[in-house]
Protein backbone atom coordinates (compact mmCIF):
# COMPACT_ATOMS: atom_id res chain seq x y z
CA MET A 1 39.99 393.11 153.21
CA ALA A 2 40.16 395.98 150.74
CA GLU A 3 43.49 397.58 149.89
CA CYS A 4 43.07 401.18 150.99
CA LYS A 5 45.32 404.19 150.51
CA ASP A 6 47.35 405.63 153.38
CA ASN A 7 44.77 408.33 154.12
CA GLU A 8 41.85 405.89 154.10
CA ILE A 9 40.27 403.40 156.46
CA ALA A 10 38.69 400.04 155.62
CA VAL A 11 35.27 399.32 157.10
CA THR A 12 33.16 396.22 156.57
CA VAL A 13 29.40 396.51 156.28
CA ASN A 14 27.18 393.57 157.16
CA TYR A 15 23.51 393.57 156.14
CA ARG A 16 20.92 391.77 158.27
CA GLY A 17 17.19 391.61 157.83
CA LEU A 18 14.19 389.44 157.35
CA TRP A 19 14.13 389.83 153.57
CA ASP A 20 16.56 389.89 150.69
CA ILE A 21 17.52 393.28 149.37
CA PRO A 22 17.81 392.71 145.63
CA PHE A 23 20.15 395.61 144.88
CA ILE A 24 22.66 394.45 147.49
CA THR A 25 24.30 391.33 146.13
CA LYS A 26 26.50 390.47 149.13
CA LYS A 27 25.79 390.16 152.84
CA ASN A 28 29.18 391.74 153.60
CA GLU A 29 31.12 394.37 151.72
CA THR A 30 34.31 396.23 152.59
CA LEU A 31 34.76 399.84 151.61
CA CYS A 32 37.66 402.28 151.74
CA LEU A 33 36.65 405.64 153.17
CA PRO A 34 38.62 408.78 154.00
CA ALA A 35 40.11 408.75 157.48
CA GLY A 36 37.77 410.52 159.88
CA SER A 37 34.62 409.29 158.14
CA THR A 38 31.45 409.06 160.17
CA VAL A 39 28.51 406.66 160.12
CA GLU A 40 26.57 409.34 158.23
CA SER A 41 29.27 409.65 155.55
CA LEU A 42 29.35 405.84 155.25
CA MET A 43 25.59 405.80 154.69
CA ASN A 44 25.96 408.52 152.05
CA SER A 45 28.67 406.45 150.32
CA LEU A 46 26.41 403.39 150.36
CA ALA A 47 23.54 405.43 148.93
CA ALA A 48 25.83 406.67 146.13
CA LYS A 49 26.95 403.10 145.43
CA HIS A 50 23.56 401.36 145.59
CA GLY A 51 21.38 404.21 144.26
CA GLU A 52 17.86 405.40 144.90
CA GLU A 53 16.67 402.08 146.27
CA PHE A 54 19.16 402.30 149.14
CA LYS A 55 18.15 405.91 149.82
CA LYS A 56 14.56 404.72 150.28
CA ILE A 57 15.50 402.27 153.03
CA ILE A 58 17.90 404.53 154.95
CA PRO A 59 15.14 405.53 157.41
CA PHE A 60 14.78 401.82 158.26
CA CYS A 61 18.52 401.12 158.61
CA ASN A 62 19.81 400.74 162.14
CA PRO A 63 23.62 400.79 162.12
CA VAL A 64 25.18 398.79 164.94
CA ILE A 65 28.85 399.03 165.95
CA GLN A 66 30.27 396.69 168.60
CA GLY A 67 26.77 395.75 169.77
CA ARG A 68 25.58 399.35 170.11
CA MET A 69 22.92 400.87 167.87
CA ILE A 70 23.91 404.27 166.52
CA THR A 71 20.88 406.55 166.64
CA PRO A 72 20.09 408.96 163.79
CA TYR A 73 21.25 411.79 166.07
CA GLU A 74 24.67 410.15 166.59
CA ARG A 75 25.43 409.24 162.97
CA ALA A 76 27.14 412.53 162.08
CA SER A 77 29.33 412.49 165.20
CA THR A 78 30.28 408.80 165.35
CA THR A 79 33.70 408.46 163.73
CA LEU A 80 34.60 405.11 162.19
CA LYS A 81 37.87 403.32 162.91
CA ASP A 82 40.04 401.32 160.53
CA GLY A 83 38.95 397.68 160.46
CA GLU A 84 35.59 398.36 162.05
CA TRP A 85 32.49 396.25 161.27
CA ILE A 86 29.16 398.00 160.93
CA THR A 87 26.03 395.86 160.89
CA PHE A 88 22.91 397.31 159.33
CA VAL A 89 19.80 395.78 160.83
CA PHE A 90 16.73 396.59 158.80
CA GLY A 91 13.73 397.23 160.98
CA ILE A 92 10.28 395.91 160.36
CA ASP A 93 6.96 397.55 160.92
CA GLY A 94 3.60 396.16 161.66
CA GLY A 95 1.18 395.52 164.35
C-alpha cells in the first residue's frame, strides 16, 4: 500500500479487460489522492498519469466499487474512501 500524507487517501485501481493495455504496465496500482476525491477525480488523475491514450478509453471504462458499477452520471458524486479498491472493466463493442 502507498504511504499517503495525513490529508490523503489510498485507493487501489484494478484493470480488467479482454486485451492488454500497453500503456498500463500493472494490473493493480495504488494511488494517493486528496481526501474527498471522487471517482471522476480519480479518472482525471489516471488520465494525467497515463496520458492521451488513457483519455481515449475513458468512455469505455466502467468503474466498479464493491460489486456496483458507477455510472457516468454518478462519477462526480461518488466519494472514494481510504483503502477502497476500484476495478475498471473495459467494455467491448460488436455485434
